[in-house]
């Protein structure tokens, strides 16, 4: 029921996911609105079932308020399926703050995690990298950043295949004297950890892929994520426009068309589909509010992949060795 476009887009995305081999899928929401969409598209009943939820959470509603008061919402019932082992994971393009709040309430946090974080995979010059947090926690203590670093490293190992991922703290300079007091304290803690910690990195180091995992607070991370998406797609559009302005450019553009399409696909957030919420006891993936059917299908595919990779177990192991928050 979430996202900017309602159940029609989610149903279409779910069916695309099934066609790609990511089924079966359970659609959680208002059955009276979902069934006509399924019938219109001839959905296979065995691979696409409906769990009726009489309530839903709006994109602009207060996460804290709905988490405890709207127990029959599609978020509550969907995450309840994961808690009760009736589903491998949960994907939503709805209110991300509400997904976080309901996931904490329903699935609970993993031991050693006080603040779950949303982790995004970004393309870089060297290889894809992990950026977290990208929106769950606007303000963090140093111990929270340390937790993010360990969870991000575990995610990079499981999902990106990095045997010993390097970790960097995003700051306004690489010198240890830079950054806030919170960043400097987190730096000292990570320097003493067993992670492959590379120290402070700057914003320009992110697209260069200087480290495998970039750690920051949710406010800064969300700005970095949205800015990266905007710049990448704007540059691709600018290249296309420039190539079509002259006859020579048009001819040259035809020669590199395939390469440009491949690059654009790599930079397109819809191909990724979503970002996992790390630190809760169940696979939970948050999609973009403006998700298209392609993005929903990609998000469902990512959810199933992370469940098969046993991501939650690896995160639990990574957090288990940490000292309690505040120590």
Protein backbone atom coordinates (compact mmCIF):
# COMPACT_ATOMS: atom_id res chain seq x y z
CA UNK A 1 0.00 0.00 0.00
CA UNK A 2 3.02 2.29 0.30
CA UNK A 3 4.93 4.43 -2.14
CA UNK A 4 3.82 7.38 -4.21
CA UNK A 5 1.76 5.30 -6.64
CA UNK A 6 -0.17 2.86 -4.45
CA UNK A 7 -0.87 -0.83 -4.98
CA UNK A 8 -0.98 -0.83 -8.79
CA UNK A 9 2.76 -0.22 -9.09
CA UNK A 10 3.60 -2.63 -6.26
CA UNK A 11 1.47 -5.41 -7.82
CA UNK A 12 3.12 -4.90 -11.20
CA UNK A 13 6.55 -4.96 -9.57
CA UNK A 14 5.72 -8.12 -7.63
CA UNK A 15 4.67 -9.90 -10.81
CA UNK A 16 7.88 -8.85 -12.52
CA UNK A 17 9.80 -10.22 -9.55
CA UNK A 18 7.98 -13.54 -9.90
CA UNK A 19 8.79 -13.65 -13.63
CA UNK A 20 12.45 -13.15 -12.70
CA UNK A 21 12.36 -16.12 -10.33
CA UNK A 22 12.03 -14.20 -7.06
CA UNK A 23 8.66 -15.65 -6.08
CA UNK A 24 6.54 -16.60 -4.35
CA UNK A 25 5.39 -13.21 -3.07
CA UNK A 26 2.83 -12.29 -0.42
CA UNK A 27 1.15 -8.93 -0.99
CA UNK A 28 0.08 -7.36 2.32
CA UNK A 29 -2.62 -4.71 2.16
CA UNK A 30 -6.25 -3.93 1.33
CA UNK A 31 -7.46 -7.06 -0.47
CA UNK A 32 -10.33 -5.20 -2.13
CA UNK A 33 -7.81 -2.95 -3.91
CA UNK A 34 -5.19 -5.61 -4.56
CA UNK A 35 -7.36 -8.38 -6.04
CA UNK A 36 -8.59 -6.37 -9.06
CA UNK A 37 -4.97 -5.48 -9.91
CA UNK A 38 -3.98 -9.16 -9.75
CA UNK A 39 -6.94 -10.27 -11.85
CA UNK A 40 -6.28 -7.58 -14.44
CA UNK A 41 -2.75 -8.91 -14.91
CA UNK A 42 -3.57 -12.62 -14.70
CA UNK A 43 -1.33 -13.23 -11.68
CA UNK A 44 -0.45 -16.86 -10.88
CA UNK A 45 -2.37 -17.68 -7.65
CA UNK A 46 0.21 -20.17 -6.43
CA UNK A 47 3.03 -17.63 -6.59
CA UNK A 48 1.24 -14.43 -5.56
CA UNK A 49 -1.03 -14.53 -2.50
CA UNK A 50 -2.69 -11.77 -0.50
CA UNK A 51 -2.60 -11.13 3.25
CA UNK A 52 -5.42 -8.71 4.02
CA UNK A 53 -4.49 -5.70 6.14
CA UNK A 54 -7.44 -3.44 6.98
CA UNK A 55 -5.20 -0.46 7.74
CA UNK A 56 -2.22 1.27 6.13
CA UNK A 57 0.29 3.99 7.00
CA UNK A 58 0.45 7.20 4.98
CA UNK A 59 3.72 8.61 3.70
CA UNK A 60 3.39 11.72 5.88
CA UNK A 61 2.27 10.10 9.14
CA UNK A 62 4.31 10.17 12.34
CA UNK A 63 6.32 6.90 12.62
CA UNK A 64 6.34 6.91 16.42
CA UNK A 65 2.60 7.40 16.62
CA UNK A 66 1.58 4.72 14.12
CA UNK A 67 4.07 2.11 15.38
CA UNK A 68 2.05 1.42 18.55
CA UNK A 69 -1.44 2.46 17.49
CA UNK A 70 -1.98 0.91 14.05
CA UNK A 71 -1.42 -2.79 14.76
CA UNK A 72 -3.51 -3.92 11.73
CA UNK A 73 -1.55 -1.92 9.19
CA UNK A 74 0.18 -3.57 6.24
CA UNK A 75 3.56 -2.73 7.84
CA UNK A 76 2.68 -4.46 11.12
CA UNK A 77 1.19 -7.56 9.48
CA UNK A 78 3.92 -7.84 6.85
CA UNK A 79 6.74 -7.64 9.36
CA UNK A 80 4.78 -10.02 11.57
CA UNK A 81 5.02 -12.62 8.79
CA UNK A 82 8.81 -12.32 8.96
CA UNK A 83 8.82 -12.53 12.76
CA UNK A 84 6.67 -15.68 12.62
CA UNK A 85 8.89 -17.27 9.92
CA UNK A 86 6.04 -17.19 7.37
CA UNK A 87 8.08 -14.97 5.07
CA UNK A 88 11.81 -14.79 4.31
CA UNK A 89 11.91 -11.00 4.30
CA UNK A 90 9.92 -7.78 3.98
CA UNK A 91 10.05 -5.05 1.31
CA UNK A 92 8.23 -1.72 1.43
CA UNK A 93 8.28 1.44 -0.66
CA UNK A 94 6.22 3.18 2.01
CA UNK A 95 6.99 5.52 4.89
CA UNK A 96 10.63 4.65 5.71
CA UNK A 97 10.44 6.09 9.22
CA UNK A 98 7.39 3.95 9.94
CA UNK A 99 9.12 0.87 8.52
CA UNK A 100 11.99 1.50 10.94
CA UNK A 101 9.71 2.05 13.94
CA UNK A 102 7.48 -0.95 13.24
CA UNK A 103 10.47 -3.21 12.46
CA UNK A 104 12.05 -2.36 15.82
CA UNK A 105 8.75 -3.01 17.60
CA UNK A 106 7.89 -6.22 15.71
CA UNK A 107 11.22 -7.86 14.91
CA UNK A 108 13.25 -6.34 17.77
CA UNK A 109 16.87 -5.24 17.57
CA UNK A 110 19.74 -7.66 17.35
CA UNK A 111 21.84 -7.95 20.48
CA UNK A 112 24.48 -5.24 20.59
CA UNK A 113 22.54 -2.88 18.30
CA UNK A 114 20.94 0.19 19.78
CA UNK A 115 20.31 2.01 16.50
CA UNK A 116 19.48 0.06 13.31
CA UNK A 117 20.83 1.71 10.16
CA UNK A 118 19.80 1.79 6.50
CA UNK A 119 22.65 0.72 4.22
CA UNK A 120 22.82 1.65 0.54
CA UNK A 121 25.12 0.19 -2.11
CA UNK A 122 26.57 2.89 -4.38
CA UNK A 123 28.61 2.58 -7.57
CA UNK A 124 32.14 3.96 -7.41
CA UNK A 125 35.13 4.27 -9.71
CA UNK A 126 36.69 1.12 -8.24
CA UNK A 127 33.75 -1.12 -7.25
CA UNK A 128 30.37 -0.86 -5.48
CA UNK A 129 30.60 0.42 -1.91
CA UNK A 130 28.34 0.44 1.17
CA UNK A 131 27.13 3.75 2.63
CA UNK A 132 25.36 3.82 6.00
CA UNK A 133 23.36 5.24 7.65
CA UNK A 134 21.29 6.82 4.86
CA UNK A 135 18.24 7.93 6.79
CA UNK A 136 17.35 6.00 9.94
CA UNK A 137 19.21 8.16 12.50
CA UNK A 138 19.62 11.89 11.99
CA UNK A 139 21.80 12.20 15.10
CA UNK A 140 24.19 9.56 16.46
CA UNK A 141 26.58 8.96 19.32
CA UNK A 142 30.06 7.68 18.62
CA UNK A 143 29.14 4.17 19.81
CA UNK A 144 26.35 4.08 17.24
CA UNK A 145 28.80 4.91 14.44
CA UNK A 146 31.03 2.08 15.65
CA UNK A 147 28.06 -0.29 15.44
CA UNK A 148 27.30 0.95 11.92
CA UNK A 149 30.91 0.25 10.93
CA UNK A 150 30.72 -3.37 12.10
CA UNK A 151 27.33 -3.94 10.47
CA UNK A 152 28.45 -2.28 7.24
CA UNK A 153 31.58 -4.43 7.12
CA UNK A 154 29.50 -7.59 7.63
CA UNK A 155 27.11 -6.48 4.88
CA UNK A 156 30.02 -5.83 2.49
CA UNK A 157 31.38 -9.31 3.24
CA UNK A 158 28.07 -11.06 2.69
CA UNK A 159 26.61 -9.08 -0.20
CA UNK A 160 29.65 -7.69 -2.03
CA UNK A 161 32.03 -10.56 -1.38
CA UNK A 162 34.76 -8.47 0.28
CA UNK A 163 36.87 -10.74 2.48
CA UNK A 164 38.17 -7.91 4.68
CA UNK A 165 36.33 -4.70 3.79
CA UNK A 166 37.97 -1.38 4.51
CA UNK A 167 35.96 1.12 6.55
CA UNK A 168 36.11 4.93 6.58
CA UNK A 169 34.38 7.62 8.64
CA UNK A 170 32.97 10.46 6.54
CA UNK A 171 34.35 13.79 7.76
CA UNK A 172 35.33 17.26 6.54
CA UNK A 173 39.00 16.29 6.25
CA UNK A 174 41.31 13.33 6.62
CA UNK A 175 43.31 14.78 9.52
CA UNK A 176 42.47 13.32 12.94
CA UNK A 177 41.90 16.84 14.26
CA UNK A 178 38.97 17.35 11.85
CA UNK A 179 35.34 16.42 12.40
CA UNK A 180 33.07 16.73 15.41
CA UNK A 181 33.77 15.41 18.89
CA UNK A 182 31.47 12.47 18.10
CA UNK A 183 33.46 11.64 14.96
CA UNK A 184 36.81 11.92 16.71
CA UNK A 185 35.68 9.60 19.51
CA UNK A 186 34.31 7.11 16.97
CA UNK A 187 37.64 7.34 15.12
CA UNK A 188 39.56 6.37 18.26
CA UNK A 189 37.22 3.43 18.92
CA UNK A 190 37.46 2.13 15.37
CA UNK A 191 41.23 2.55 15.29
CA UNK A 192 41.39 0.20 18.27
CA UNK A 193 38.98 -2.33 16.71
CA UNK A 194 39.74 -5.39 14.59
CA UNK A 195 38.16 -3.84 11.50
CA UNK A 196 40.25 -2.75 8.52
CA UNK A 197 39.73 0.87 9.49
CA UNK A 198 41.19 3.45 7.11
CA UNK A 199 40.42 6.59 9.15
CA UNK A 200 38.58 9.73 8.08
CA UNK A 201 37.61 10.15 4.43
CA UNK A 202 36.20 13.17 2.60
CA UNK A 203 33.13 13.48 0.41
CA UNK A 204 35.17 13.31 -2.80
CA UNK A 205 36.55 9.93 -1.68
CA UNK A 206 33.09 8.34 -1.81
CA UNK A 207 32.70 8.14 -5.62
CA UNK A 208 36.37 7.21 -5.92
CA UNK A 209 35.74 4.03 -3.91
CA UNK A 210 38.64 4.70 -1.54
CA UNK A 211 37.05 2.39 1.06
CA UNK A 212 34.50 -0.43 0.90
CA UNK A 213 32.28 0.94 3.68
CA UNK A 214 31.51 4.62 4.36
CA UNK A 215 30.07 5.35 7.82
CA UNK A 216 28.14 8.49 8.74
CA UNK A 217 24.95 9.63 10.48
CA UNK A 218 21.58 9.26 8.77
CA UNK A 219 21.15 12.95 7.98
CA UNK A 220 24.49 13.28 6.21
CA UNK A 221 24.18 9.88 4.57
CA UNK A 222 20.78 10.67 3.10
CA UNK A 223 22.09 13.92 1.63
CA UNK A 224 25.09 12.08 0.14
CA UNK A 225 22.84 9.38 -1.32
CA UNK A 226 20.34 11.76 -2.93
CA UNK A 227 23.10 14.05 -4.20
CA UNK A 228 24.95 11.10 -5.72
CA UNK A 229 21.80 9.89 -7.46
CA UNK A 230 21.02 13.36 -8.81
CA UNK A 231 24.54 14.10 -10.05
CA UNK A 232 24.94 10.70 -11.73
CA UNK A 233 21.71 10.90 -13.71
CA UNK A 234 22.16 14.60 -14.50
CA UNK A 235 25.63 13.94 -15.93
CA UNK A 236 24.30 11.11 -18.10
CA UNK A 237 21.54 13.37 -19.43
CA UNK A 238 24.09 16.11 -20.08
CA UNK A 239 26.31 13.71 -22.03
CA UNK A 240 23.36 12.57 -24.15
CA UNK A 241 22.29 16.14 -24.87
CA UNK A 242 25.84 17.17 -25.80
CA UNK A 243 26.27 14.23 -28.18
CA UNK A 244 23.09 15.07 -30.08
CA UNK A 245 23.90 18.75 -30.63
CA UNK A 246 26.17 18.18 -33.66
CA UNK A 247 26.32 15.72 -36.55
CA UNK A 248 29.76 14.50 -35.44
CA UNK A 249 28.50 14.04 -31.90
CA UNK A 250 25.47 12.10 -33.14
CA UNK A 251 27.70 9.74 -35.11
CA UNK A 252 30.04 9.31 -32.15
CA UNK A 253 27.10 8.82 -29.84
CA UNK A 254 25.83 5.96 -31.96
CA UNK A 255 29.19 4.23 -31.55
CA UNK A 256 29.15 4.46 -27.75
CA UNK A 257 25.39 4.03 -27.27
CA UNK A 258 25.66 0.53 -25.84
CA UNK A 259 28.36 1.54 -23.35
CA UNK A 260 26.39 4.59 -22.23
CA UNK A 261 23.28 2.51 -21.69
CA UNK A 262 25.24 0.05 -19.56
CA UNK A 263 26.68 2.90 -17.51
CA UNK A 264 23.27 4.50 -17.02
CA UNK A 265 21.84 1.17 -15.87
CA UNK A 266 24.67 0.87 -13.33
CA UNK A 267 23.88 4.34 -11.97
CA UNK A 268 20.08 3.89 -11.95
CA UNK A 269 18.70 3.51 -8.40
CA UNK A 270 15.73 1.57 -9.79
CA UNK A 271 18.09 -1.30 -10.65
CA UNK A 272 19.09 -1.55 -6.98
CA UNK A 273 15.53 -1.45 -5.68
CA UNK A 274 16.12 -0.62 -2.05
CA UNK A 275 18.39 -0.58 0.97
CA UNK A 276 18.36 -3.06 3.87
CA UNK A 277 17.66 -2.02 7.44
CA UNK A 278 20.62 -3.47 9.36
CA UNK A 279 20.29 -4.30 13.04
CA UNK A 280 16.79 -5.79 13.30
CA UNK A 281 16.10 -9.52 13.63
CA UNK A 282 14.70 -10.10 10.15
CA UNK A 283 15.47 -9.10 6.56
CA UNK A 284 13.83 -5.72 5.94
CA UNK A 285 14.40 -3.67 2.78
CA UNK A 286 13.30 -0.06 2.34
CA UNK A 287 12.46 1.10 -1.18
CA UNK A 288 12.23 4.59 -2.67
CA UNK A 289 8.87 6.31 -2.29
CA UNK A 290 8.87 6.96 -6.03
CA UNK A 291 9.56 3.31 -6.83
CA UNK A 292 8.54 2.15 -10.31
CA UNK A 293 7.51 -1.46 -11.06
CA UNK A 294 11.13 -2.11 -12.03
CA UNK A 295 12.35 -0.75 -8.69
CA UNK A 296 9.80 -2.81 -6.74
CA UNK A 297 10.87 -5.96 -8.59
CA UNK A 298 14.53 -5.18 -7.87
CA UNK A 299 13.70 -4.54 -4.20
CA UNK A 300 11.92 -7.87 -3.87
CA UNK A 301 14.87 -9.57 -5.57
CA UNK A 302 17.29 -7.92 -3.14
CA UNK A 303 15.15 -9.00 -0.18
CA UNK A 304 15.19 -12.63 -1.27
CA UNK A 305 18.93 -12.49 -2.00
CA UNK A 306 19.74 -11.14 1.46
CA UNK A 307 17.61 -13.83 3.08
CA UNK A 308 19.47 -16.52 1.12
CA UNK A 309 22.80 -14.96 2.08
CA UNK A 310 21.78 -15.26 5.78
CA UNK A 311 22.62 -11.61 6.32
CA UNK A 312 20.90 -11.32 9.71
CA UNK A 313 23.00 -14.14 11.18
CA UNK A 314 26.22 -12.51 9.99
CA UNK A 315 25.18 -9.17 11.46
CA UNK A 316 24.36 -10.85 14.77
CA UNK A 317 27.86 -12.36 14.85
CA UNK A 318 29.48 -9.00 14.04
CA UNK A 319 27.56 -7.19 16.78
CA UNK A 320 28.07 -9.94 19.35
CA UNK A 321 31.72 -9.06 19.88
CA UNK A 322 31.03 -5.38 20.61
CA UNK A 323 30.95 -3.80 24.06
CA UNK A 324 27.56 -2.41 25.17
CA UNK A 325 26.62 1.07 23.93
CA UNK A 326 27.88 3.84 26.16
CA UNK A 327 30.96 1.99 27.43
